[in-house]
Amino acid sequence: MQDYALVVSWLDQLTVAVSGLAIKPLYMILSFIIIYRLRSAASRDLKFLRYGLIGFFAGEFICGVNYLAFGSSSNLLEIFHGLGMVWMWIFLPWFVFLFIDERIIYFSSPDKKCAFLRFCKRCDKKVPDGCRMRKFVFFIIPALIITALIPFTLPLDPYSYTLKIFNSEVLFKSTDILQNIEVRAYPFVAVLLLAGSAIVLKLTKDITLWSYLFFPGFGFMTFSLFRFFFTFAFIYNPVWSNFWEEMTELLLIAGIMIFLQIFKKQFGANEYRELKIIKRK
């Protein structure tokens, strides 16, 4: 890996400054606010959302420490930054699944009628053949496994760029170690976990046990694809790779906050009912 010193335009310098000094602090503040507001959440879906955001916040905090204390040169801290993102991509989709399943369609509930019943005409949850929607999952899992293989189709291309940003040097790098972990090891882990989830679902038909393998696999796959796209799509222009990564994270956190704000009464009512049940017990 060779080190390159890049001369960038005033606009690119401004883009780097805005990304690091405005966008990152903003979404970290917003994520902390959501974490704080969910501190007393009783429902499982909101707890999982909080867990995911805690991992996200921790990862981004480590990223900031790496930049401020080590000039973004620490591979170890960048690995922990990535693991925080993986953690977030495990629990955020899990939150979405639980929110839809336990509040809207009751897909995995053995006692409640599934929202697909009007379409299926009869519920197959308790017969040997199993639920029809569950059968469709057996297509989704192989499809995700194939998708997880995408990062293997390009050779590794580590880089190190030093940019002059308003009289300060900023380092952007993607080392052999990081690329081997993020676009080689993580997809491999994702494939193993997703395949394991399919086996568990086939043998046990236990949605809860299935989810303990499926969502970690989904998290490793999603982060790997996320990092793969931004690394290789902007490999010769790290300024915009950094900007779009920060911007998508801001949009994600802002979207979560807006969603919770729009449906705060609905979430509040459900939380209140669950708390009352706990008190009665």
Protein backbone atom coordinates (compact mmCIF):
# COMPACT_ATOMS: atom_id res chain seq x y z
CA MET A 1 0.00 0.00 0.00
CA GLN A 2 1.40 3.37 -1.05
CA ASP A 3 0.72 6.69 0.64
CA TYR A 4 -0.52 9.51 -1.56
CA ALA A 5 -0.77 13.21 -0.80
CA LEU A 6 -3.81 14.63 -2.58
CA VAL A 7 -4.45 18.25 -3.41
CA VAL A 8 -8.20 18.84 -3.27
CA SER A 9 -10.41 21.76 -4.17
CA TRP A 10 -11.88 24.26 -1.74
CA LEU A 11 -15.27 22.55 -2.11
CA ASP A 12 -13.79 19.18 -1.19
CA GLN A 13 -12.07 20.71 1.82
CA LEU A 14 -15.38 22.24 2.92
CA THR A 15 -17.10 18.87 2.40
CA VAL A 16 -14.61 17.12 4.70
CA ALA A 17 -15.00 19.84 7.33
CA VAL A 18 -18.81 19.70 7.22
CA SER A 19 -18.76 15.89 7.39
CA GLY A 20 -16.54 15.77 10.47
CA LEU A 21 -17.52 18.93 12.32
CA ALA A 22 -21.26 19.14 11.60
CA ILE A 23 -22.82 15.93 10.29
CA LYS A 24 -21.08 13.44 12.62
CA PRO A 25 -21.68 15.45 15.83
CA LEU A 26 -25.30 16.03 14.80
CA TYR A 27 -26.22 12.39 14.32
CA MET A 28 -24.30 11.40 17.45
CA ILE A 29 -26.32 13.92 19.48
CA LEU A 30 -29.58 12.71 17.90
CA SER A 31 -28.72 9.06 18.54
CA PHE A 32 -27.89 9.86 22.19
CA ILE A 33 -31.23 11.65 22.57
CA ILE A 34 -33.09 8.60 21.23
CA ILE A 35 -31.10 6.26 23.50
CA TYR A 36 -31.96 8.44 26.50
CA ARG A 37 -35.65 8.67 25.59
CA LEU A 38 -35.87 4.88 25.23
CA ARG A 39 -34.17 4.21 28.57
CA SER A 40 -37.42 3.04 30.21
CA ALA A 41 -38.86 1.22 27.19
CA ALA A 42 -40.56 -2.01 28.22
CA SER A 43 -41.42 -3.53 24.84
CA ARG A 44 -38.92 -5.86 23.20
CA ASP A 45 -38.84 -4.03 19.86
CA LEU A 46 -37.95 -0.66 21.40
CA LYS A 47 -35.36 -2.31 23.63
CA PHE A 48 -33.71 -3.80 20.54
CA LEU A 49 -33.78 -0.40 18.83
CA ARG A 50 -32.03 1.06 21.87
CA TYR A 51 -29.43 -1.73 21.87
CA GLY A 52 -28.67 -1.05 18.22
CA LEU A 53 -28.29 2.68 18.76
CA ILE A 54 -26.00 2.11 21.74
CA GLY A 55 -23.72 0.05 19.50
CA PHE A 56 -23.90 2.71 16.79
CA PHE A 57 -23.07 5.51 19.23
CA ALA A 58 -20.18 3.54 20.74
CA GLY A 59 -18.76 2.79 17.29
CA GLU A 60 -18.94 6.41 16.18
CA PHE A 61 -17.45 7.58 19.47
CA ILE A 62 -14.50 5.23 18.90
CA CYS A 63 -14.20 6.60 15.36
CA GLY A 64 -13.96 10.12 16.81
CA VAL A 65 -11.29 9.01 19.30
CA ASN A 66 -9.33 7.41 16.46
CA TYR A 67 -9.39 10.69 14.52
CA LEU A 68 -8.67 13.05 17.41
CA ALA A 69 -6.06 10.96 19.23
CA PHE A 70 -4.46 8.91 16.46
CA GLY A 71 -5.16 10.82 13.25
CA SER A 72 -7.34 7.94 11.96
CA SER A 73 -4.27 5.68 11.83
CA SER A 74 -5.33 2.98 14.34
CA ASN A 75 -6.52 -0.22 12.67
CA LEU A 76 -7.69 -1.60 16.02
CA LEU A 77 -9.96 1.35 16.76
CA GLU A 78 -11.34 1.25 13.22
CA ILE A 79 -12.16 -2.43 13.69
CA PHE A 80 -14.10 -1.58 16.86
CA HIS A 81 -15.80 1.26 14.97
CA GLY A 82 -16.90 -1.27 12.38
CA LEU A 83 -18.12 -3.70 15.03
CA GLY A 84 -20.31 -0.94 16.45
CA MET A 85 -21.86 -0.57 13.01
CA VAL A 86 -22.32 -4.34 12.72
CA TRP A 87 -24.07 -4.30 16.11
CA MET A 88 -26.39 -1.56 14.88
CA TRP A 89 -27.19 -3.46 11.67
CA ILE A 90 -28.03 -6.54 13.75
CA PHE A 91 -30.48 -4.85 16.09
CA LEU A 92 -32.06 -2.23 13.83
CA PRO A 93 -33.52 -4.79 11.35
CA TRP A 94 -34.42 -6.95 14.36
CA PHE A 95 -36.37 -4.00 15.77
CA VAL A 96 -38.19 -3.59 12.44
CA PHE A 97 -39.06 -7.29 12.37
CA LEU A 98 -40.32 -7.29 15.96
CA PHE A 99 -42.26 -4.06 15.44
CA ILE A 100 -44.09 -5.46 12.39
CA ASP A 101 -44.47 -8.96 13.82
CA GLU A 102 -45.55 -8.22 17.38
CA ARG A 103 -47.61 -5.09 16.74
CA ILE A 104 -49.10 -5.57 13.26
CA ILE A 105 -49.10 -9.03 11.62
CA TYR A 106 -48.39 -11.55 14.46
CA PHE A 107 -46.49 -13.78 12.07
CA SER A 108 -44.58 -15.72 14.74
CA SER A 109 -47.22 -15.77 17.48
CA PRO A 110 -48.57 -19.31 18.05
CA ASP A 111 -51.80 -17.98 19.57
CA LYS A 112 -52.77 -14.84 17.64
CA LYS A 113 -54.19 -14.82 14.12
CA CYS A 114 -51.66 -13.68 11.53
CA ALA A 115 -52.57 -10.68 9.36
CA PHE A 116 -51.93 -12.85 6.29
CA LEU A 117 -54.81 -15.13 7.26
CA ARG A 118 -57.22 -13.34 4.92
CA PHE A 119 -54.85 -14.06 2.07
CA CYS A 120 -53.84 -17.61 3.05
CA LYS A 121 -57.48 -18.50 3.92
CA ARG A 122 -56.29 -20.94 6.58
CA CYS A 123 -53.46 -20.84 9.09
CA ASP A 124 -50.83 -23.56 8.76
CA LYS A 125 -48.87 -22.74 11.91
CA LYS A 126 -49.84 -25.92 13.72
CA VAL A 127 -49.73 -28.44 10.88
CA PRO A 128 -46.65 -30.42 9.80
CA ASP A 129 -46.14 -28.48 6.57
CA GLY A 130 -45.86 -25.21 8.48
CA CYS A 131 -46.73 -21.60 7.75
CA ARG A 132 -46.67 -20.52 4.10
CA MET A 133 -44.90 -17.26 4.89
CA ARG A 134 -42.30 -19.27 6.77
CA LYS A 135 -41.75 -21.28 3.61
CA PHE A 136 -41.04 -18.05 1.73
CA VAL A 137 -38.24 -17.34 4.22
CA PHE A 138 -36.44 -20.33 2.73
CA PHE A 139 -36.10 -18.30 -0.48
CA ILE A 140 -35.12 -15.10 1.31
CA ILE A 141 -32.21 -16.73 3.16
CA PRO A 142 -30.45 -18.18 0.05
CA ALA A 143 -31.05 -14.86 -1.73
CA LEU A 144 -29.29 -13.02 1.11
CA ILE A 145 -26.46 -15.57 1.10
CA ILE A 146 -25.90 -14.89 -2.61
CA THR A 147 -26.03 -11.14 -1.95
CA ALA A 148 -23.48 -11.51 0.84
CA LEU A 149 -21.01 -12.92 -1.69
CA ILE A 150 -20.86 -9.64 -3.67
CA PRO A 151 -17.76 -8.27 -1.84
CA PHE A 152 -15.77 -11.35 -2.92
CA THR A 153 -16.06 -10.37 -6.60
CA LEU A 154 -13.48 -7.54 -6.49
CA PRO A 155 -9.82 -7.83 -5.50
CA LEU A 156 -8.67 -5.99 -2.40
CA ASP A 157 -7.29 -2.53 -3.12
CA PRO A 158 -5.90 -0.86 0.04
CA TYR A 159 -5.16 2.86 -0.10
CA SER A 160 -3.85 5.68 2.04
CA TYR A 161 -4.49 9.33 1.18
CA THR A 162 -3.32 12.39 3.09
CA LEU A 163 -5.34 15.50 2.32
CA LYS A 164 -4.66 19.09 3.22
CA ILE A 165 -7.91 20.41 4.69
CA PHE A 166 -7.70 24.12 5.58
CA ASN A 167 -4.06 23.84 6.69
CA SER A 168 -4.67 20.59 8.60
CA GLU A 169 -3.74 17.12 7.41
CA VAL A 170 -6.50 14.51 7.30
CA LEU A 171 -5.80 10.83 6.67
CA PHE A 172 -8.16 8.56 4.75
CA LYS A 173 -7.06 4.96 4.54
CA SER A 174 -8.32 1.44 4.01
CA THR A 175 -5.59 -1.06 4.89
CA ASP A 176 -5.11 -4.71 3.99
CA ILE A 177 -6.17 -5.67 7.50
CA LEU A 178 -9.37 -3.65 7.39
CA GLN A 179 -10.37 -4.81 3.91
CA ASN A 180 -9.69 -8.46 4.76
CA ILE A 181 -11.95 -8.13 7.79
CA GLU A 182 -14.72 -5.97 6.32
CA VAL A 183 -15.08 -7.37 2.80
CA ARG A 184 -13.73 -10.89 3.27
CA ALA A 185 -14.19 -12.15 6.85
CA TYR A 186 -17.52 -10.45 7.57
CA PRO A 187 -19.28 -11.77 4.43
CA PHE A 188 -17.99 -15.25 5.27
CA VAL A 189 -19.39 -14.98 8.81
CA ALA A 190 -22.67 -13.71 7.34
CA VAL A 191 -22.97 -16.71 5.03
CA LEU A 192 -22.36 -19.15 7.91
CA LEU A 193 -24.91 -17.46 10.18
CA LEU A 194 -27.57 -17.16 7.47
CA ALA A 195 -27.09 -20.79 6.44
CA GLY A 196 -27.30 -21.80 10.10
CA SER A 197 -30.55 -19.88 10.48
CA ALA A 198 -32.06 -21.79 7.55
CA ILE A 199 -31.06 -25.11 9.10
CA VAL A 200 -32.51 -24.13 12.49
CA LEU A 201 -35.77 -22.96 10.93
CA LYS A 202 -36.06 -26.17 8.91
CA LEU A 203 -35.36 -28.49 11.84
CA THR A 204 -37.15 -26.68 14.66
CA LYS A 205 -39.57 -24.19 13.02
CA ASP A 206 -38.65 -21.96 15.98
CA ILE A 207 -38.78 -18.32 14.87
CA THR A 208 -37.15 -17.11 18.09
CA LEU A 209 -34.16 -19.45 17.75
CA TRP A 210 -33.97 -18.66 14.02
CA SER A 211 -33.72 -14.94 14.71
CA TYR A 212 -30.63 -15.40 16.92
CA LEU A 213 -28.72 -16.54 13.84
CA PHE A 214 -30.53 -14.69 11.05
CA PHE A 215 -30.19 -11.12 12.30
CA PRO A 216 -26.48 -11.37 13.25
CA GLY A 217 -25.91 -12.79 9.76
CA PHE A 218 -27.92 -9.95 8.26
CA GLY A 219 -25.91 -7.44 10.29
CA PHE A 220 -22.53 -8.71 9.11
CA MET A 221 -23.78 -8.87 5.52
CA THR A 222 -25.26 -5.36 5.53
CA PHE A 223 -22.24 -3.67 7.06
CA SER A 224 -19.90 -5.49 4.68
CA LEU A 225 -21.95 -4.37 1.66
CA PHE A 226 -22.19 -0.84 3.07
CA ARG A 227 -18.42 -0.58 3.52
CA PHE A 228 -17.73 -2.39 0.23
CA PHE A 229 -19.84 0.07 -1.75
CA PHE A 230 -18.42 3.23 -0.22
CA THR A 231 -14.84 1.96 -0.30
CA PHE A 232 -14.74 0.82 -3.91
CA ALA A 233 -17.22 3.23 -5.51
CA PHE A 234 -15.15 6.21 -4.31
CA ILE A 235 -11.75 4.55 -4.08
CA TYR A 236 -10.05 7.47 -5.85
CA ASN A 237 -12.11 10.14 -4.11
CA PRO A 238 -12.24 9.45 -0.35
CA VAL A 239 -13.73 12.89 0.30
CA TRP A 240 -17.09 11.88 -1.13
CA SER A 241 -16.89 8.35 0.26
CA ASN A 242 -16.62 9.91 3.72
CA PHE A 243 -19.34 12.49 3.04
CA TRP A 244 -21.94 10.01 1.77
CA GLU A 245 -21.21 7.57 4.57
CA GLU A 246 -21.76 10.31 7.16
CA MET A 247 -24.83 11.64 5.34
CA THR A 248 -26.54 8.25 5.09
CA GLU A 249 -25.93 7.71 8.80
CA LEU A 250 -27.46 11.11 9.56
CA LEU A 251 -30.50 10.28 7.42
CA LEU A 252 -30.88 6.93 9.17
CA ILE A 253 -30.79 8.41 12.67
CA ALA A 254 -33.03 11.32 11.66
CA GLY A 255 -35.49 8.85 10.11
CA ILE A 256 -35.63 6.82 13.32
CA MET A 257 -36.23 9.96 15.38
CA ILE A 258 -38.99 11.19 13.04
CA PHE A 259 -40.64 7.74 13.02
CA LEU A 260 -40.69 7.59 16.82
CA GLN A 261 -41.99 11.15 17.02
CA ILE A 262 -44.83 10.53 14.56
CA PHE A 263 -45.96 7.38 16.36
CA LYS A 264 -45.11 8.45 19.92
CA LYS A 265 -48.73 8.12 21.09
CA GLN A 266 -49.02 4.60 19.72
CA PHE A 267 -45.71 3.55 21.25
CA GLY A 268 -46.58 5.29 24.49
CA ALA A 269 -49.92 3.50 24.80
CA ASN A 270 -48.37 0.10 24.22
CA GLU A 271 -45.56 0.79 26.66
CA TYR A 272 -48.05 1.93 29.28
CA ARG A 273 -50.16 -1.21 28.89
CA GLU A 274 -47.11 -3.44 29.20
CA LEU A 275 -45.97 -1.61 32.32
CA LYS A 276 -49.43 -2.05 33.87
CA ILE A 277 -49.31 -5.80 33.20
CA ILE A 278 -45.90 -6.00 34.88
CA LYS A 279 -47.22 -4.13 37.93
CA ARG A 280 -50.21 -6.45 38.23
CA LYS A 281 -47.92 -9.43 38.32
